Protein backbone atom coordinates (compact mmCIF):
# COMPACT_ATOMS: atom_id res chain seq x y z
CA UNK A 1 -72.29 -33.44 45.00
CA UNK A 2 -69.19 -35.12 43.47
CA UNK A 3 -68.64 -36.75 47.16
CA UNK A 4 -67.09 -40.00 45.87
CA UNK A 5 -64.13 -41.26 46.71
CA UNK A 6 -61.68 -42.22 44.23
CA UNK A 7 -59.78 -44.99 44.74
CA UNK A 8 -56.90 -47.39 43.74
CA UNK A 9 -56.18 -46.08 40.96
CA UNK A 10 -53.39 -44.46 38.44
CA UNK A 11 -51.38 -41.04 40.11
CA UNK A 12 -51.22 -39.08 36.37
CA UNK A 13 -49.91 -36.14 38.38
CA UNK A 14 -47.29 -36.21 41.53
CA UNK A 15 -45.70 -33.11 43.13
CA UNK A 16 -43.46 -33.32 45.93
CA UNK A 17 -41.61 -31.01 48.14
CA UNK A 18 -42.32 -28.15 45.57
CA UNK A 19 -41.02 -24.99 46.11
CA UNK A 20 -41.57 -21.20 44.33
CA UNK A 21 -40.38 -18.22 46.21
CA UNK A 22 -40.21 -14.46 44.11
CA UNK A 23 -38.43 -13.50 46.57
CA UNK A 24 -38.51 -13.58 50.33
CA UNK A 25 -42.15 -14.79 49.52
CA UNK A 26 -42.71 -18.50 49.82
CA UNK A 27 -45.49 -19.10 47.77
CA UNK A 28 -45.25 -23.19 47.51
CA UNK A 29 -42.81 -24.67 50.46
CA UNK A 30 -42.48 -28.19 50.10
CA UNK A 31 -46.01 -28.58 47.96
CA UNK A 32 -47.33 -32.13 48.24
CA UNK A 33 -49.93 -33.55 46.03
CA UNK A 34 -51.69 -36.85 44.30
CA UNK A 35 -53.82 -36.26 41.27
CA UNK A 36 -55.69 -40.20 40.67
CA UNK A 37 -56.97 -41.13 37.10
CA UNK A 38 -60.36 -39.87 36.98
CA UNK A 39 -60.55 -37.15 40.34
CA UNK A 40 -61.85 -34.68 40.82
CA UNK A 41 -58.88 -32.61 42.61
CA UNK A 42 -59.54 -28.81 44.56
CA UNK A 43 -56.93 -27.52 45.34
CA UNK A 44 -58.29 -24.45 48.02
CA UNK A 45 -56.68 -21.51 49.14
CA UNK A 46 -57.63 -17.64 49.35
CA UNK A 47 -56.93 -15.00 46.97
CA UNK A 48 -52.65 -14.47 46.37
CA UNK A 49 -52.29 -18.05 48.03
CA UNK A 50 -50.57 -19.33 44.98
CA UNK A 51 -52.65 -22.27 43.57
CA UNK A 52 -52.78 -20.04 40.13
CA UNK A 53 -48.30 -20.75 39.89
CA UNK A 54 -48.68 -24.18 41.28
CA UNK A 55 -50.86 -24.76 38.12
CA UNK A 56 -48.54 -22.66 36.17
CA UNK A 57 -45.24 -24.84 37.35
CA UNK A 58 -47.31 -28.31 36.53
CA UNK A 59 -47.31 -27.25 32.96
CA UNK A 60 -43.60 -25.61 32.61
CA UNK A 61 -45.17 -22.27 32.16
CA UNK A 62 -43.12 -21.43 35.09
CA UNK A 63 -40.02 -22.49 36.80
CA UNK A 64 -39.74 -23.87 39.75
CA UNK A 65 -37.20 -23.31 42.76
CA UNK A 66 -37.09 -27.57 43.76
CA UNK A 67 -38.90 -30.04 44.09
CA UNK A 68 -40.63 -32.55 41.73
CA UNK A 69 -43.51 -32.35 39.32
CA UNK A 70 -43.88 -36.22 37.36
CA UNK A 71 -46.94 -35.89 35.45
CA UNK A 72 -47.91 -39.09 33.42
CA UNK A 73 -45.00 -40.30 34.54
CA UNK A 74 -42.44 -37.77 33.16
CA UNK A 75 -40.63 -34.78 35.62
CA UNK A 76 -42.32 -32.20 34.25
CA UNK A 77 -38.63 -30.12 35.44
CA UNK A 78 -36.68 -31.86 33.11
CA UNK A 79 -38.67 -32.32 30.13
CA UNK A 80 -37.18 -30.12 26.44
CA UNK A 81 -39.56 -27.31 25.21
CA UNK A 82 -40.44 -29.94 22.22
CA UNK A 83 -41.11 -32.60 25.23
CA UNK A 84 -43.71 -29.87 26.79
CA UNK A 85 -45.23 -28.79 23.97
CA UNK A 86 -46.47 -32.48 23.43
CA UNK A 87 -47.46 -33.17 27.21
CA UNK A 88 -49.55 -29.60 27.15
CA UNK A 89 -51.80 -32.13 23.97
CA UNK A 90 -52.53 -34.06 26.73
CA UNK A 91 -53.57 -31.54 29.42
CA UNK A 92 -56.42 -28.74 28.58
CA UNK A 93 -56.49 -25.18 30.33
CA UNK A 94 -59.74 -23.48 31.40
CA UNK A 95 -58.29 -19.95 31.74
CA UNK A 96 -59.87 -17.93 34.44
CA UNK A 97 -60.17 -14.88 32.07
CA UNK A 98 -62.10 -17.39 29.20
CA UNK A 99 -58.86 -15.85 26.71
CA UNK A 100 -60.84 -16.53 24.23
CA UNK A 101 -59.84 -14.29 20.76
CA UNK A 102 -61.67 -11.57 19.84
CA UNK A 103 -60.78 -11.76 16.29
CA UNK A 104 -62.51 -15.10 15.57
CA UNK A 105 -65.34 -17.11 15.54
CA UNK A 106 -66.51 -19.57 17.80
CA UNK A 107 -65.61 -21.77 15.48
CA UNK A 108 -62.27 -20.33 14.60
CA UNK A 109 -61.82 -20.14 18.21
CA UNK A 110 -62.24 -23.94 18.43
CA UNK A 111 -60.64 -24.61 15.45
CA UNK A 112 -57.14 -22.88 16.98
CA UNK A 113 -55.56 -26.36 19.09
CA UNK A 114 -55.80 -28.51 16.20
CA UNK A 115 -53.95 -26.29 14.21
CA UNK A 116 -51.30 -24.91 16.90
CA UNK A 117 -50.51 -28.30 17.73
CA UNK A 118 -50.20 -29.43 13.82
CA UNK A 119 -52.99 -32.47 14.62
CA UNK A 120 -53.22 -34.12 11.42
CA UNK A 121 -57.36 -34.15 10.42
CA UNK A 122 -59.06 -33.25 7.19
CA UNK A 123 -61.20 -30.31 7.24
CA UNK A 124 -64.39 -32.86 7.33
CA UNK A 125 -62.89 -34.31 11.16
CA UNK A 126 -62.30 -30.83 11.96
CA UNK A 127 -65.72 -29.68 11.80
CA UNK A 128 -67.25 -32.33 13.21
CA UNK A 129 -64.39 -32.17 16.39
CA UNK A 130 -65.95 -28.76 16.37
CA UNK A 131 -69.50 -29.44 16.29
CA UNK A 132 -68.65 -32.37 18.81
CA UNK A 133 -67.49 -30.25 21.74
CA UNK A 134 -70.15 -27.51 21.39
CA UNK A 135 -73.11 -29.58 20.94
CA UNK A 136 -71.51 -31.31 24.43
CA UNK A 137 -71.55 -27.81 26.46
CA UNK A 138 -74.45 -27.04 24.89
CA UNK A 139 -73.86 -23.91 22.29
CA UNK A 140 -74.03 -25.09 18.49
CA UNK A 141 -76.18 -22.11 17.78
CA UNK A 142 -72.90 -19.93 18.12
CA UNK A 143 -70.79 -21.56 16.46
CA UNK A 144 -70.66 -18.64 13.92
CA UNK A 145 -70.77 -15.50 16.88
CA UNK A 146 -67.97 -13.80 17.95
CA UNK A 147 -67.23 -13.48 22.01
CA UNK A 148 -68.87 -10.19 21.96
CA UNK A 149 -72.07 -11.71 21.25
CA UNK A 150 -71.77 -13.80 23.93
CA UNK A 151 -72.86 -14.34 27.55
CA UNK A 152 -70.22 -14.66 30.53
CA UNK A 153 -71.35 -17.82 31.46
CA UNK A 154 -71.27 -18.70 27.34
CA UNK A 155 -68.05 -17.66 26.81
CA UNK A 156 -67.11 -20.04 30.15
CA UNK A 157 -68.70 -22.83 28.47
CA UNK A 158 -66.22 -22.05 24.67
CA UNK A 159 -63.71 -21.87 26.60
CA UNK A 160 -64.54 -25.71 27.89
CA UNK A 161 -65.41 -26.86 24.43
CA UNK A 162 -61.76 -25.01 22.69
CA UNK A 163 -59.98 -27.94 25.85
CA UNK A 164 -62.24 -30.37 25.15
CA UNK A 165 -60.87 -30.05 21.62
CA UNK A 166 -58.51 -32.07 22.26
CA UNK A 167 -59.71 -34.49 24.13
CA UNK A 168 -57.60 -34.07 27.27
CA UNK A 169 -56.60 -36.25 30.10
CA UNK A 170 -56.18 -34.40 31.93
CA UNK A 171 -58.05 -30.54 32.83
CA UNK A 172 -56.51 -27.56 35.31
CA UNK A 173 -59.20 -25.52 36.05
CA UNK A 174 -58.57 -22.05 36.96
CA UNK A 175 -60.89 -20.48 39.17
CA UNK A 176 -64.06 -21.61 36.72
CA UNK A 177 -66.72 -19.33 38.44
CA UNK A 178 -64.36 -16.25 38.59
CA UNK A 179 -67.12 -13.28 37.51
CA UNK A 180 -70.42 -15.41 37.04
CA UNK A 181 -73.31 -15.27 38.88
CA UNK A 182 -74.27 -18.39 40.91
CA UNK A 183 -77.11 -19.97 38.82
CA UNK A 184 -74.34 -19.44 35.65
CA UNK A 185 -71.48 -20.85 37.94
CA UNK A 186 -73.19 -24.19 39.08
CA UNK A 187 -74.47 -24.24 35.83
CA UNK A 188 -71.20 -24.43 35.08
CA UNK A 189 -69.72 -26.45 38.04
CA UNK A 190 -72.72 -29.38 36.70
CA UNK A 191 -70.62 -29.32 32.93
CA UNK A 192 -68.26 -29.61 34.94
CA UNK A 193 -68.95 -32.92 35.73
CA UNK A 194 -70.72 -34.20 33.19
CA UNK A 195 -67.16 -33.89 31.31
CA UNK A 196 -65.50 -36.19 34.27
CA UNK A 197 -68.18 -38.57 33.61
CA UNK A 198 -67.96 -38.29 29.39
CA UNK A 199 -64.52 -38.26 29.08
CA UNK A 200 -62.93 -40.00 32.37
CA UNK A 201 -60.98 -36.71 32.72
CA UNK A 202 -58.75 -36.26 35.47
CA UNK A 203 -58.79 -32.48 37.03
CA UNK A 204 -57.12 -30.10 39.46
CA UNK A 205 -59.87 -27.10 40.01
CA UNK A 206 -58.16 -23.88 41.46
CA UNK A 207 -60.97 -22.47 43.38
CA UNK A 208 -61.64 -20.01 46.45
CA UNK A 209 -65.77 -20.42 45.36
CA UNK A 210 -67.16 -22.98 48.08
CA UNK A 211 -70.24 -23.44 45.64
CA UNK A 212 -67.85 -24.70 43.01
CA UNK A 213 -65.58 -26.77 45.85
CA UNK A 214 -68.61 -28.79 47.07
CA UNK A 215 -70.18 -29.81 43.57
CA UNK A 216 -67.00 -30.74 41.62
CA UNK A 217 -64.62 -31.79 44.53
CA UNK A 218 -63.47 -35.79 44.94
CA UNK A 219 -61.35 -34.36 46.98
CA UNK A 220 -59.78 -31.19 48.59
CA UNK A 221 -56.33 -29.54 49.09
CA UNK A 222 -56.20 -26.90 51.59
CA UNK A 223 -53.29 -24.23 50.61
CA UNK A 224 -52.39 -21.98 53.37
CA UNK A 225 -48.69 -20.75 53.86
CA UNK A 226 -47.41 -23.22 50.69
CA UNK A 227 -48.19 -25.89 52.19
CA UNK A 228 -50.65 -28.92 51.66
CA UNK A 229 -52.40 -27.89 55.39
CA UNK A 230 -55.23 -30.61 55.08
CA UNK A 231 -56.74 -32.75 52.05
CA UNK A 232 -60.30 -34.48 52.19
CA UNK A 233 -64.07 -34.58 51.28
CA UNK A 234 -65.95 -32.02 51.53
CA UNK A 235 -67.38 -33.66 54.05
CA UNK A 236 -64.74 -34.20 56.06
CA UNK A 237 -63.32 -31.05 56.19
CA UNK A 238 -66.77 -29.51 56.75
CA UNK A 239 -67.05 -31.03 60.08
CA UNK A 240 -63.51 -29.87 60.82
CA UNK A 241 -62.82 -28.11 64.23
CA UNK A 242 -59.25 -26.44 62.87
CA UNK A 243 -60.40 -22.12 62.61
CA UNK A 244 -57.66 -21.89 59.33
CA UNK A 245 -60.48 -24.52 57.67
CA UNK A 246 -63.44 -23.37 59.14
CA UNK A 247 -62.66 -20.52 57.91
CA UNK A 248 -63.68 -21.23 54.01
CA UNK A 249 -66.90 -23.12 55.05
CA UNK A 250 -68.20 -19.74 57.26
CA UNK A 251 -68.51 -18.26 53.64
CA UNK A 252 -69.96 -20.40 51.80
CA UNK A 253 -73.33 -19.00 50.14
CA UNK A 254 -75.89 -20.98 50.05
CA UNK A 255 -77.20 -20.99 46.87
CA UNK A 256 -76.96 -24.55 45.58
């Protein structure tokens, strides 16, 4: 379990008073968040509570109604399209669906971000980067395979490798264990901890999988009614007498 608190670190993402509504549905309502350097911060909430909307706002894929989002001290809501692209190079995004290109091999999927962001590197360096991230996720032997030949857990690892190839300072994980069996889910969670340790990444992990939350979190924010309802470590929140918080811990599957 990643229970160590991250103290006295720089804040890499700061959100204040964030509001986002769809019609009369207030998904985020005066939401606040600080992500510290080197921290794994889990945003915990029920399905449909606004977790995925939050990370889309962070990377500028969705407009906010009001509030402030600062990434590396840059106000996201004020960045131009080109400035957003430059910021996104520093932010890795692990999609819930993995978002691998079915028509591309593993190698081509990993090379795509380098071409997409016009990274200036030689063919030899590209090959070195591809092999490095594949080794980091334990799948060097899949380099010329197609996504359809991979298991669900392997596809998740390849998606993480693609995220790592740009050496991001921040990683946003959107439900990283969805669709995986408990054993494979635990392997992915442990891999996330290895990535945190090796690359000193700062991560926001969107999840309602309490086993994932327990393994990966340094700190947890509970998202209820669009607000930061509570924050603390897994141990602190698991001892809460608040029914709204205890609901999450009562549902944990004992596999870790």
